[in-house]
Amino acid sequence: MNQKKVLVTGCAGFIGSNLCKRLCNEGYEVAGIDNLSYGTLENIDKRVNFHKRDIRDRSIYPLFEGVDTVFHLAAKNCLIDCLNNPLETSEINVYGTANVLEGARKAGVRKFIYADTSAEYEGVSDFPSRVDSVCPIGIYAVSKRGASLFCESYRNLLGMHGVTVRYFNVYGPAQDWRRVVPPVMSAFIIKMLKGERPVIYGTGEKRRDFIYVDDVNLFHLMAMNDERLDGGTFNVGSGVNYSVNEIFQAIEDILQTGLTPIYKEELPGEAQITLADISREKKFGWEPKVDLQEGLRKSIEYIQKSVLQGTLP
């Protein structure tokens, strides 16, 4: 068993909680930081040494002692919340990241893995998106860009080994369905399992590159252990995209509810298309293993058992 100590910020959130479970299963000693503003205690694996803290607080510095790798996933990431509160978004996403970086640097952490976002490609019109061409527009995207630049500076000037992982549209178990505007997959599945019509914002023709969370965690493990990735920025998507209407139909084909969606006004600040160029990632030996149909079935099974049957609040 591998006894390396790993610390995950945002450990109670969707991707963070799945990552922690995977790390525990792989034999790592896992510590987690989360202030529970988005994530929930129910998401946190019992094997995780959990600390309810805010990443902006310098009192977190001692938690980095003895840590080999930090996965920094904590962020304010709901687009509407970010648009409505730019100052708090900046405090959490930019200052918070700088604070986590400094805690890691002071403790001599070997590697820092930063969770970035495909929202950095909002203003880019060439597809698939390449990591060397970004154009963030919205408050959330700009804040994540600022944080990623801090990570680059710590790598280039302060000698910290690091990897930036640019997520596309991640879905799977424990997806944050409680948000004001939940992610498409979980929102559709929950509504349709309840016999309610799901909501589509706009025409439903926006296209998204969806990637199942287990495939993301495969890349996380590679980023932690493969030195060839040090200093790089990588797209973690499927390299295929679907319209929101197509996602609704794929779920309907499985559930056979007979429901039709409700179309509402477009949400502000959303990209029309996301599509990852993953040719470079494939050269390092990573590629998605879970296709859309399998991922949807796993997501539906989780929601049926853990959300709608009352095992989660």
C-alpha atoms as a PDB file:
ATOM      1  CA  MET A   1       0.000   0.000   0.000  1.00  0.00           C
ATOM      2  CA  ASN A   2       1.201   3.491  -0.833  1.00  0.00           C
ATOM      3  CA  GLN A   3       1.572   5.602   2.309  1.00  0.00           C
ATOM      4  CA  LYS A   4       2.081   8.993   0.680  1.00  0.00           C
ATOM      5  CA  LYS A   5       0.060  11.728   2.339  1.00  0.00           C
ATOM      6  CA  VAL A   6      -2.220  13.709   0.026  1.00  0.00           C
ATOM      7  CA  LEU A   7      -4.299  16.786   0.834  1.00  0.00           C
ATOM      8  CA  VAL A   8      -7.434  17.694  -1.133  1.00  0.00           C
ATOM      9  CA  THR A   9      -9.097  21.099  -0.855  1.00  0.00           C
ATOM     10  CA  GLY A  10     -12.783  21.035  -1.693  1.00  0.00           C
ATOM     11  CA  CYS A  11     -12.945  17.464  -0.413  1.00  0.00           C
ATOM     12  CA  ALA A  12     -16.700  17.625   0.263  1.00  0.00           C
ATOM     13  CA  GLY A  13     -17.623  18.683  -3.260  1.00  0.00           C
ATOM     14  CA  PHE A  14     -18.495  16.559  -6.252  1.00  0.00           C
ATOM     15  CA  ILE A  15     -15.101  15.984  -7.856  1.00  0.00           C
ATOM     16  CA  GLY A  16     -13.189  16.329  -4.588  1.00  0.00           C
ATOM     17  CA  SER A  17     -15.188  13.675  -2.754  1.00  0.00           C
ATOM     18  CA  ASN A  18     -14.842  11.234  -5.638  1.00  0.00           C
ATOM     19  CA  LEU A  19     -11.111  11.929  -5.783  1.00  0.00           C
ATOM     20  CA  CYS A  20     -10.723  11.331  -2.042  1.00  0.00           C
ATOM     21  CA  LYS A  21     -12.472   7.957  -2.278  1.00  0.00           C
ATOM     22  CA  ARG A  22     -10.246   6.944  -5.166  1.00  0.00           C
ATOM     23  CA  LEU A  23      -7.084   7.995  -3.303  1.00  0.00           C
ATOM     24  CA  CYS A  24      -8.165   6.113  -0.175  1.00  0.00           C
ATOM     25  CA  ASN A  25      -8.874   3.026  -2.260  1.00  0.00           C
ATOM     26  CA  GLU A  26      -5.388   3.314  -3.771  1.00  0.00           C
ATOM     27  CA  GLY A  27      -3.829   3.271  -0.300  1.00  0.00           C
ATOM     28  CA  TYR A  28      -2.949   6.934   0.187  1.00  0.00           C
ATOM     29  CA  GLU A  29      -3.310   8.758   3.486  1.00  0.00           C
ATOM     30  CA  VAL A  30      -5.812  11.498   2.659  1.00  0.00           C
ATOM     31  CA  ALA A  31      -6.501  14.783   4.436  1.00  0.00           C
ATOM     32  CA  GLY A  32      -9.233  17.152   3.301  1.00  0.00           C
ATOM     33  CA  ILE A  33     -10.131  20.812   3.679  1.00  0.00           C
ATOM     34  CA  ASP A  34     -13.610  22.192   2.995  1.00  0.00           C
ATOM     35  CA  ASN A  35     -15.756  24.919   4.550  1.00  0.00           C
ATOM     36  CA  LEU A  36     -18.948  23.088   3.449  1.00  0.00           C
ATOM     37  CA  SER A  37     -20.297  26.112   1.571  1.00  0.00           C
ATOM     38  CA  TYR A  38     -20.992  23.896  -1.434  1.00  0.00           C
ATOM     39  CA  GLY A  39     -20.032  20.362  -0.425  1.00  0.00           C
ATOM     40  CA  THR A  40     -21.642  18.220   2.270  1.00  0.00           C
ATOM     41  CA  LEU A  41     -20.381  16.037   5.095  1.00  0.00           C
ATOM     42  CA  GLU A  42     -22.254  13.095   3.590  1.00  0.00           C
ATOM     43  CA  ASN A  43     -19.952  13.220   0.567  1.00  0.00           C
ATOM     44  CA  ILE A  44     -16.757  12.784   2.615  1.00  0.00           C
ATOM     45  CA  ASP A  45     -15.330   9.283   2.897  1.00  0.00           C
ATOM     46  CA  LYS A  46     -14.910   8.175   6.526  1.00  0.00           C
ATOM     47  CA  ARG A  47     -11.245   7.415   5.841  1.00  0.00           C
ATOM     48  CA  VAL A  48     -10.475  11.077   5.098  1.00  0.00           C
ATOM     49  CA  ASN A  49      -8.913  13.187   7.858  1.00  0.00           C
ATOM     50  CA  PHE A  50     -11.344  16.069   7.417  1.00  0.00           C
ATOM     51  CA  HIS A  51     -10.759  19.677   8.492  1.00  0.00           C
ATOM     52  CA  LYS A  52     -13.594  22.172   8.264  1.00  0.00           C
ATOM     53  CA  ARG A  53     -11.608  25.254   7.255  1.00  0.00           C
ATOM     54  CA  ASP A  54     -11.715  28.094   4.751  1.00  0.00           C
ATOM     55  CA  ILE A  55      -8.907  28.171   2.175  1.00  0.00           C
ATOM     56  CA  ARG A  56      -8.537  31.928   2.760  1.00  0.00           C
ATOM     57  CA  ASP A  57      -7.511  31.363   6.383  1.00  0.00           C
ATOM     58  CA  ARG A  58      -3.758  31.217   7.073  1.00  0.00           C
ATOM     59  CA  SER A  59      -4.434  28.896   9.983  1.00  0.00           C
ATOM     60  CA  ILE A  60      -4.553  26.066   7.410  1.00  0.00           C
ATOM     61  CA  TYR A  61      -0.749  26.182   6.937  1.00  0.00           C
ATOM     62  CA  PRO A  62       0.065  23.482   9.530  1.00  0.00           C
ATOM     63  CA  LEU A  63      -2.223  21.054   7.680  1.00  0.00           C
ATOM     64  CA  PHE A  64       0.285  20.906   4.816  1.00  0.00           C
ATOM     65  CA  GLU A  65       3.103  19.517   6.971  1.00  0.00           C
ATOM     66  CA  GLY A  66       4.197  16.093   5.758  1.00  0.00           C
ATOM     67  CA  VAL A  67       2.016  16.282   2.652  1.00  0.00           C
ATOM     68  CA  ASP A  68       3.471  14.950  -0.604  1.00  0.00           C
ATOM     69  CA  THR A  69       0.822  16.221  -3.041  1.00  0.00           C
ATOM     70  CA  VAL A  70      -1.904  18.871  -2.864  1.00  0.00           C
ATOM     71  CA  PHE A  71      -4.961  18.700  -5.096  1.00  0.00           C
ATOM     72  CA  HIS A  72      -6.500  22.185  -5.031  1.00  0.00           C
ATOM     73  CA  LEU A  73     -10.159  21.830  -6.043  1.00  0.00           C
ATOM     74  CA  ALA A  74     -11.870  24.261  -3.651  1.00  0.00           C
ATOM     75  CA  ALA A  75     -13.497  27.156  -5.520  1.00  0.00           C
ATOM     76  CA  LYS A  76     -16.600  29.270  -5.893  1.00  0.00           C
ATOM     77  CA  ASN A  77     -17.894  27.834  -9.169  1.00  0.00           C
ATOM     78  CA  CYS A  78     -21.609  28.496  -9.665  1.00  0.00           C
ATOM     79  CA  LEU A  79     -21.683  30.939 -12.606  1.00  0.00           C
ATOM     80  CA  ILE A  80     -24.682  32.902 -11.345  1.00  0.00           C
ATOM     81  CA  ASP A  81     -23.272  33.161  -7.808  1.00  0.00           C
ATOM     82  CA  CYS A  82     -19.949  34.335  -9.225  1.00  0.00           C
ATOM     83  CA  LEU A  83     -21.620  36.934 -11.434  1.00  0.00           C
ATOM     84  CA  ASN A  84     -23.649  38.249  -8.501  1.00  0.00           C
ATOM     85  CA  ASN A  85     -20.673  38.445  -6.151  1.00  0.00           C
ATOM     86  CA  PRO A  86     -17.428  39.202  -8.014  1.00  0.00           C
ATOM     87  CA  LEU A  87     -15.515  40.283  -4.906  1.00  0.00           C
ATOM     88  CA  GLU A  88     -16.155  37.089  -2.980  1.00  0.00           C
ATOM     89  CA  THR A  89     -15.394  35.095  -6.128  1.00  0.00           C
ATOM     90  CA  SER A  90     -12.018  36.796  -6.370  1.00  0.00           C
ATOM     91  CA  GLU A  91     -11.329  36.316  -2.661  1.00  0.00           C
ATOM     92  CA  ILE A  92     -12.027  32.585  -2.816  1.00  0.00           C
ATOM     93  CA  ASN A  93     -10.693  31.665  -6.231  1.00  0.00           C
ATOM     94  CA  VAL A  94      -7.677  33.966  -6.510  1.00  0.00           C
ATOM     95  CA  TYR A  95      -6.637  34.864  -2.956  1.00  0.00           C
ATOM     96  CA  GLY A  96      -7.688  31.451  -1.669  1.00  0.00           C
ATOM     97  CA  THR A  97      -5.526  29.725  -4.264  1.00  0.00           C
ATOM     98  CA  ALA A  98      -2.555  31.943  -3.439  1.00  0.00           C
ATOM     99  CA  ASN A  99      -3.021  31.102   0.240  1.00  0.00           C
ATOM    100  CA  VAL A 100      -3.095  27.363  -0.465  1.00  0.00           C
ATOM    101  CA  LEU A 101      -0.008  27.698  -2.659  1.00  0.00           C
ATOM    102  CA  GLU A 102       1.827  29.521   0.104  1.00  0.00           C
ATOM    103  CA  GLY A 103       0.870  26.930   2.693  1.00  0.00           C
ATOM    104  CA  ALA A 104       2.133  24.201   0.377  1.00  0.00           C
ATOM    105  CA  ARG A 105       5.368  26.086  -0.351  1.00  0.00           C
ATOM    106  CA  LYS A 106       6.151  26.712   3.303  1.00  0.00           C
ATOM    107  CA  ALA A 107       5.625  23.027   4.089  1.00  0.00           C
ATOM    108  CA  GLY A 108       7.817  21.820   1.234  1.00  0.00           C
ATOM    109  CA  VAL A 109       5.001  19.989  -0.589  1.00  0.00           C
ATOM    110  CA  ARG A 110       6.418  18.068  -3.562  1.00  0.00           C
ATOM    111  CA  LYS A 111       3.614  18.622  -6.075  1.00  0.00           C
ATOM    112  CA  PHE A 112       0.657  20.985  -6.454  1.00  0.00           C
ATOM    113  CA  ILE A 113      -2.194  19.995  -8.786  1.00  0.00           C
ATOM    114  CA  TYR A 114      -4.576  22.815  -9.647  1.00  0.00           C
ATOM    115  CA  ALA A 115      -8.150  22.231 -10.825  1.00  0.00           C
ATOM    116  CA  ASP A 116      -8.760  24.639 -13.689  1.00  0.00           C
ATOM    117  CA  THR A 117     -11.808  24.986 -15.944  1.00  0.00           C
ATOM    118  CA  SER A 118     -12.756  24.888 -19.608  1.00  0.00           C
ATOM    119  CA  ALA A 119     -14.530  28.203 -18.928  1.00  0.00           C
ATOM    120  CA  GLU A 120     -11.127  29.687 -19.796  1.00  0.00           C
ATOM    121  CA  TYR A 121     -12.085  28.978 -23.424  1.00  0.00           C
ATOM    122  CA  GLU A 122     -15.303  31.049 -23.309  1.00  0.00           C
ATOM    123  CA  GLY A 123     -14.160  33.554 -25.930  1.00  0.00           C
ATOM    124  CA  VAL A 124     -12.338  31.077 -28.163  1.00  0.00           C
ATOM    125  CA  SER A 125     -13.965  30.212 -31.506  1.00  0.00           C
ATOM    126  CA  ASP A 126     -11.563  27.499 -32.715  1.00  0.00           C
ATOM    127  CA  PHE A 127     -12.482  23.944 -31.749  1.00  0.00           C
ATOM    128  CA  PRO A 128     -11.415  21.622 -30.314  1.00  0.00           C
ATOM    129  CA  SER A 129      -9.909  23.878 -27.640  1.00  0.00           C
ATOM    130  CA  ARG A 130      -6.149  23.780 -27.127  1.00  0.00           C
ATOM    131  CA  VAL A 131      -4.514  24.584 -23.807  1.00  0.00           C
ATOM    132  CA  ASP A 132      -2.360  27.349 -25.337  1.00  0.00           C
ATOM    133  CA  SER A 133      -5.347  29.429 -26.494  1.00  0.00           C
ATOM    134  CA  VAL A 134      -7.569  30.878 -23.761  1.00  0.00           C
ATOM    135  CA  CYS A 135      -9.993  33.800 -23.597  1.00  0.00           C
ATOM    136  CA  PRO A 136     -11.896  33.958 -20.280  1.00  0.00           C
ATOM    137  CA  ILE A 137     -14.814  36.385 -20.214  1.00  0.00           C
ATOM    138  CA  GLY A 138     -17.080  35.747 -17.224  1.00  0.00           C
ATOM    139  CA  ILE A 139     -16.319  36.477 -13.567  1.00  0.00           C
ATOM    140  CA  TYR A 140     -15.794  32.796 -12.751  1.00  0.00           C
ATOM    141  CA  ALA A 141     -13.532  32.182 -15.747  1.00  0.00           C
ATOM    142  CA  VAL A 142     -11.444  35.286 -15.075  1.00  0.00           C
ATOM    143  CA  SER A 143     -11.012  34.346 -11.410  1.00  0.00           C
ATOM    144  CA  LYS A 144      -9.855  30.850 -12.354  1.00  0.00           C
ATOM    145  CA  ARG A 145      -7.444  32.331 -14.887  1.00  0.00           C
ATOM    146  CA  GLY A 146      -5.985  34.584 -12.206  1.00  0.00           C
ATOM    147  CA  ALA A 147      -5.513  31.597  -9.914  1.00  0.00           C
ATOM    148  CA  SER A 148      -3.880  29.560 -12.679  1.00  0.00           C
ATOM    149  CA  LEU A 149      -1.387  32.384 -13.236  1.00  0.00           C
ATOM    150  CA  PHE A 150      -0.470  32.266  -9.551  1.00  0.00           C
ATOM    151  CA  CYS A 151       0.188  28.538  -9.966  1.00  0.00           C
ATOM    152  CA  GLU A 152       2.404  29.216 -12.968  1.00  0.00           C
ATOM    153  CA  SER A 153       4.323  31.858 -11.033  1.00  0.00           C
ATOM    154  CA  TYR A 154       4.934  29.507  -8.107  1.00  0.00           C
ATOM    155  CA  ARG A 155       6.200  26.909 -10.565  1.00  0.00           C
ATOM    156  CA  ASN A 156       8.423  29.246 -12.533  1.00  0.00           C
ATOM    157  CA  LEU A 157       9.811  31.448  -9.774  1.00  0.00           C
ATOM    158  CA  LEU A 158       9.549  29.414  -6.575  1.00  0.00           C
ATOM    159  CA  GLY A 159      10.379  25.964  -7.905  1.00  0.00           C
ATOM    160  CA  MET A 160       7.111  24.230  -7.006  1.00  0.00           C
ATOM    161  CA  HIS A 161       6.354  21.211  -9.172  1.00  0.00           C
ATOM    162  CA  GLY A 162       2.826  21.499 -10.437  1.00  0.00           C
ATOM    163  CA  VAL A 163       0.217  20.391 -12.952  1.00  0.00           C
ATOM    164  CA  THR A 164      -2.863  22.303 -14.100  1.00  0.00           C
ATOM    165  CA  VAL A 165      -5.854  20.104 -14.924  1.00  0.00           C
ATOM    166  CA  ARG A 166      -8.446  21.892 -17.036  1.00  0.00           C
ATOM    167  CA  TYR A 167     -11.796  20.161 -16.489  1.00  0.00           C
ATOM    168  CA  PHE A 168     -14.524  20.154 -19.101  1.00  0.00           C
ATOM    169  CA  ASN A 169     -18.093  19.161 -18.106  1.00  0.00           C
ATOM    170  CA  VAL A 170     -17.547  16.551 -15.410  1.00  0.00           C
ATOM    171  CA  TYR A 171     -20.509  14.409 -14.324  1.00  0.00           C
ATOM    172  CA  GLY A 172     -21.145  11.352 -12.183  1.00  0.00           C
ATOM    173  CA  PRO A 173     -22.065  10.326  -8.594  1.00  0.00           C
ATOM    174  CA  ALA A 174     -22.407  13.109  -5.996  1.00  0.00           C
ATOM    175  CA  GLN A 175     -22.683  15.837  -8.627  1.00  0.00           C
ATOM    176  CA  ASP A 176     -23.730  19.064  -6.908  1.00  0.00           C
ATOM    177  CA  TRP A 177     -27.454  18.898  -7.648  1.00  0.00           C
ATOM    178  CA  ARG A 178     -28.333  21.325  -4.813  1.00  0.00           C
ATOM    179  CA  ARG A 179     -27.036  24.393  -6.673  1.00  0.00           C
ATOM    180  CA  VAL A 180     -29.375  27.223  -7.731  1.00  0.00           C
ATOM    181  CA  VAL A 181     -28.914  26.063 -11.332  1.00  0.00           C
ATOM    182  CA  PRO A 182     -27.734  22.450 -11.053  1.00  0.00           C
ATOM    183  CA  PRO A 183     -25.502  20.852 -13.703  1.00  0.00           C
ATOM    184  CA  VAL A 184     -27.443  19.444 -16.642  1.00  0.00           C
ATOM    185  CA  MET A 185     -26.915  15.733 -15.983  1.00  0.00           C
ATOM    186  CA  SER A 186     -28.015  15.626 -12.353  1.00  0.00           C
ATOM    187  CA  ALA A 187     -30.767  18.215 -12.857  1.00  0.00           C
ATOM    188  CA  PHE A 188     -32.344  16.250 -15.709  1.00  0.00           C
ATOM    189  CA  ILE A 189     -32.042  12.851 -14.034  1.00  0.00           C
ATOM    190  CA  ILE A 190     -33.518  13.958 -10.691  1.00  0.00           C
ATOM    191  CA  LYS A 191     -36.451  15.761 -12.311  1.00  0.00           C
ATOM    192  CA  MET A 192     -37.245  12.908 -14.673  1.00  0.00           C
ATOM    193  CA  LEU A 193     -37.025  10.229 -11.988  1.00  0.00           C
ATOM    194  CA  LYS A 194     -39.538  12.286  -9.992  1.00  0.00           C
ATOM    195  CA  GLY A 195     -41.844  12.470 -13.006  1.00  0.00           C
ATOM    196  CA  GLU A 196     -41.197  16.196 -13.451  1.00  0.00           C
ATOM    197  CA  ARG A 197     -40.301  17.998 -16.675  1.00  0.00           C
ATOM    198  CA  PRO A 198     -36.663  19.143 -16.758  1.00  0.00           C
ATOM    199  CA  VAL A 199     -35.709  22.730 -17.589  1.00  0.00           C
ATOM    200  CA  ILE A 200     -33.520  23.649 -20.558  1.00  0.00           C
ATOM    201  CA  TYR A 201     -32.180  27.199 -20.687  1.00  0.00           C
ATOM    202  CA  GLY A 202     -32.136  28.614 -24.216  1.00  0.00           C
ATOM    203  CA  THR A 203     -32.777  26.448 -27.286  1.00  0.00           C
ATOM    204  CA  GLY A 204     -30.922  23.397 -25.994  1.00  0.00           C
ATOM    205  CA  GLU A 205     -28.452  23.550 -28.866  1.00  0.00           C
ATOM    206  CA  LYS A 206     -25.432  24.502 -26.762  1.00  0.00           C
ATOM    207  CA  ARG A 207     -22.904  21.712 -27.051  1.00  0.00           C
ATOM    208  CA  ARG A 208     -20.904  20.350 -24.137  1.00  0.00           C
ATOM    209  CA  ASP A 209     -17.944  18.006 -23.778  1.00  0.00           C
ATOM    210  CA  PHE A 210     -18.975  15.690 -20.937  1.00  0.00           C
ATOM    211  CA  ILE A 211     -16.404  13.592 -19.055  1.00  0.00           C
ATOM    212  CA  TYR A 212     -17.211  11.003 -16.403  1.00  0.00           C
ATOM    213  CA  VAL A 213     -15.622  11.614 -13.007  1.00  0.00           C
ATOM    214  CA  ASP A 214     -13.811   8.243 -12.896  1.00  0.00           C
ATOM    215  CA  ASP A 215     -11.920   9.215 -16.055  1.00  0.00           C
ATOM    216  CA  VAL A 216     -10.975  12.523 -14.447  1.00  0.00           C
ATOM    217  CA  ASN A 217      -9.569  10.650 -11.466  1.00  0.00           C
ATOM    218  CA  LEU A 218      -7.488   8.444 -13.747  1.00  0.00           C
ATOM    219  CA  PHE A 219      -5.833  11.635 -14.955  1.00  0.00           C
ATOM    220  CA  HIS A 220      -5.450  12.921 -11.386  1.00  0.00           C
ATOM    221  CA  LEU A 221      -3.447   9.836 -10.464  1.00  0.00           C
ATOM    222  CA  MET A 222      -1.276  10.195 -13.536  1.00  0.00           C
ATOM    223  CA  ALA A 223      -0.671  13.893 -12.812  1.00  0.00           C
ATOM    224  CA  MET A 224       0.456  13.010  -9.301  1.00  0.00           C
ATOM    225  CA  ASN A 225       2.819  10.198 -10.228  1.00  0.00           C
ATOM    226  CA  ASP A 226       4.117  10.880 -13.751  1.00  0.00           C
ATOM    227  CA  GLU A 227       6.913  13.457 -13.722  1.00  0.00           C
ATOM    228  CA  ARG A 228       6.542  13.988 -17.478  1.00  0.00           C
ATOM    229  CA  LEU A 229       3.429  16.065 -16.740  1.00  0.00           C
ATOM    230  CA  ASP A 230       5.183  18.454 -14.340  1.00  0.00           C
ATOM    231  CA  GLY A 231       4.792  22.095 -15.340  1.00  0.00           C
ATOM    232  CA  GLY A 232       2.062  21.354 -17.871  1.00  0.00           C
ATOM    233  CA  THR A 233      -1.564  22.298 -18.418  1.00  0.00           C
ATOM    234  CA  PHE A 234      -3.867  19.558 -19.661  1.00  0.00           C
ATOM    235  CA  ASN A 235      -7.403  19.255 -20.981  1.00  0.00           C
ATOM    236  CA  VAL A 236      -9.517  16.605 -19.292  1.00  0.00           C
ATOM    237  CA  GLY A 237     -12.521  16.091 -21.516  1.00  0.00           C
ATOM    238  CA  SER A 238     -13.877  13.363 -23.752  1.00  0.00           C
ATOM    239  CA  GLY A 239     -13.021  14.982 -27.090  1.00  0.00           C
ATOM    240  CA  VAL A 240     -16.696  14.587 -28.105  1.00  0.00           C
ATOM    241  CA  ASN A 241     -19.585  16.954 -27.448  1.00  0.00           C
ATOM    242  CA  TYR A 242     -23.371  16.726 -27.316  1.00  0.00           C
ATOM    243  CA  SER A 243     -26.132  19.304 -27.381  1.00  0.00           C
ATOM    244  CA  VAL A 244     -28.243  19.739 -24.242  1.00  0.00           C
ATOM    245  CA  ASN A 245     -31.202  18.444 -26.253  1.00  0.00           C
ATOM    246  CA  GLU A 246     -29.228  15.309 -27.124  1.00  0.00           C
ATOM    247  CA  ILE A 247     -28.423  14.748 -23.446  1.00  0.00           C
ATOM    248  CA  PHE A 248     -32.103  15.019 -22.565  1.00  0.00           C
ATOM    249  CA  GLN A 249     -32.952  12.491 -25.260  1.00  0.00           C
ATOM    250  CA  ALA A 250     -30.201  10.096 -24.136  1.00  0.00           C
ATOM    251  CA  ILE A 251     -31.595  10.138 -20.580  1.00  0.00           C
ATOM    252  CA  GLU A 252     -35.156   9.790 -21.862  1.00  0.00           C
ATOM    253  CA  ASP A 253     -34.119   6.784 -23.965  1.00  0.00           C
ATOM    254  CA  ILE A 254     -32.954   5.081 -20.761  1.00  0.00           C
ATOM    255  CA  LEU A 255     -35.784   6.137 -18.432  1.00  0.00           C
ATOM    256  CA  GLN A 256     -38.696   6.137 -20.913  1.00  0.00           C
ATOM    257  CA  THR A 257     -40.658   8.759 -18.947  1.00  0.00           C
ATOM    258  CA  GLY A 258     -42.612  10.288 -21.822  1.00  0.00           C
ATOM    259  CA  LEU A 259     -41.753  13.753 -20.462  1.00  0.00           C
ATOM    260  CA  THR A 260     -40.788  16.761 -22.551  1.00  0.00           C
ATOM    261  CA  PRO A 261     -38.482  19.573 -21.400  1.00  0.00           C
ATOM    262  CA  ILE A 262     -39.512  23.103 -20.423  1.00  0.00           C
ATOM    263  CA  TYR A 263     -37.520  25.757 -22.285  1.00  0.00           C
ATOM    264  CA  LYS A 264     -36.637  28.941 -20.393  1.00  0.00           C
ATOM    265  CA  GLU A 265     -34.657  32.089 -21.096  1.00  0.00           C
ATOM    266  CA  GLU A 266     -30.948  31.725 -21.776  1.00  0.00           C
ATOM    267  CA  LEU A 267     -28.604  31.993 -18.784  1.00  0.00           C
ATOM    268  CA  PRO A 268     -25.956  34.738 -19.007  1.00  0.00           C
ATOM    269  CA  GLY A 269     -22.262  34.036 -19.411  1.00  0.00           C
ATOM    270  CA  GLU A 270     -22.372  30.473 -20.726  1.00  0.00           C
ATOM    271  CA  ALA A 271     -20.212  29.297 -23.613  1.00  0.00           C
ATOM    272  CA  GLN A 272     -22.015  28.014 -26.698  1.00  0.00           C
ATOM    273  CA  ILE A 273     -19.597  25.140 -27.243  1.00  0.00           C
ATOM    274  CA  THR A 274     -17.094  23.186 -25.191  1.00  0.00           C
ATOM    275  CA  LEU A 275     -14.891  20.620 -26.891  1.00  0.00           C
ATOM    276  CA  ALA A 276     -11.495  19.445 -25.670  1.00  0.00           C
ATOM    277  CA  ASP A 277      -8.442  18.740 -27.753  1.00  0.00           C
ATOM    278  CA  ILE A 278      -7.082  15.682 -25.892  1.00  0.00           C
ATOM    279  CA  SER A 279      -4.505  14.581 -28.470  1.00  0.00           C
ATOM    280  CA  ARG A 280      -1.625  15.588 -26.173  1.00  0.00           C
ATOM    281  CA  GLU A 281      -3.138  13.819 -23.182  1.00  0.00           C
ATOM    282  CA  LYS A 282      -3.503  10.625 -25.201  1.00  0.00           C
ATOM    283  CA  LYS A 283       0.199  10.754 -26.039  1.00  0.00           C
ATOM    284  CA  PHE A 284       0.921  10.527 -22.303  1.00  0.00           C
ATOM    285  CA  GLY A 285      -1.241   7.404 -22.072  1.00  0.00           C
ATOM    286  CA  TRP A 286      -4.569   8.767 -20.829  1.00  0.00           C
ATOM    287  CA  GLU A 287      -7.914   8.622 -22.591  1.00  0.00           C
ATOM    288  CA  PRO A 288     -11.536   8.364 -21.432  1.00  0.00           C
ATOM    289  CA  LYS A 289     -12.849   4.858 -20.764  1.00  0.00           C
ATOM    290  CA  VAL A 290     -16.484   5.542 -19.805  1.00  0.00           C
ATOM    291  CA  ASP A 291     -18.775   6.440 -22.706  1.00  0.00           C
ATOM    292  CA  LEU A 292     -21.902   8.568 -22.376  1.00  0.00           C
ATOM    293  CA  GLN A 293     -24.368   5.692 -22.096  1.00  0.00           C
ATOM    294  CA  GLU A 294     -22.411   3.936 -19.355  1.00  0.00           C
ATOM    295  CA  GLY A 295     -21.836   7.200 -17.505  1.00  0.00           C
ATOM    296  CA  LEU A 296     -25.529   8.094 -17.611  1.00  0.00           C
ATOM    297  CA  ARG A 297     -26.545   4.663 -16.327  1.00  0.00           C
ATOM    298  CA  LYS A 298     -24.091   4.929 -13.420  1.00  0.00           C
ATOM    299  CA  SER A 299     -25.336   8.441 -12.622  1.00  0.00           C
ATOM    300  CA  ILE A 300     -28.969   7.329 -12.699  1.00  0.00           C
ATOM    301  CA  GLU A 301     -28.215   4.378 -10.414  1.00  0.00           C
ATOM    302  CA  TYR A 302     -26.476   6.667  -7.888  1.00  0.00           C
ATOM    303  CA  ILE A 303     -29.327   9.186  -7.860  1.00  0.00           C
ATOM    304  CA  GLN A 304     -31.941   6.440  -7.461  1.00  0.00           C
ATOM    305  CA  LYS A 305     -30.150   4.847  -4.505  1.00  0.00           C
ATOM    306  CA  SER A 306     -28.427   7.711  -2.738  1.00  0.00           C
ATOM    307  CA  VAL A 307     -30.555  10.777  -3.453  1.00  0.00           C
ATOM    308  CA  LEU A 308     -34.153   9.777  -4.074  1.00  0.00           C
ATOM    309  CA  GLN A 309     -34.296   6.860  -1.625  1.00  0.00           C
ATOM    310  CA  GLY A 310     -33.343   9.137   1.221  1.00  0.00           C
ATOM    311  CA  THR A 311     -29.778   8.107   2.051  1.00  0.00           C
ATOM    312  CA  LEU A 312     -28.734  11.701   1.378  1.00  0.00           C
ATOM    313  CA  PRO A 313     -30.598  14.818   2.568  1.00  0.00           C
END
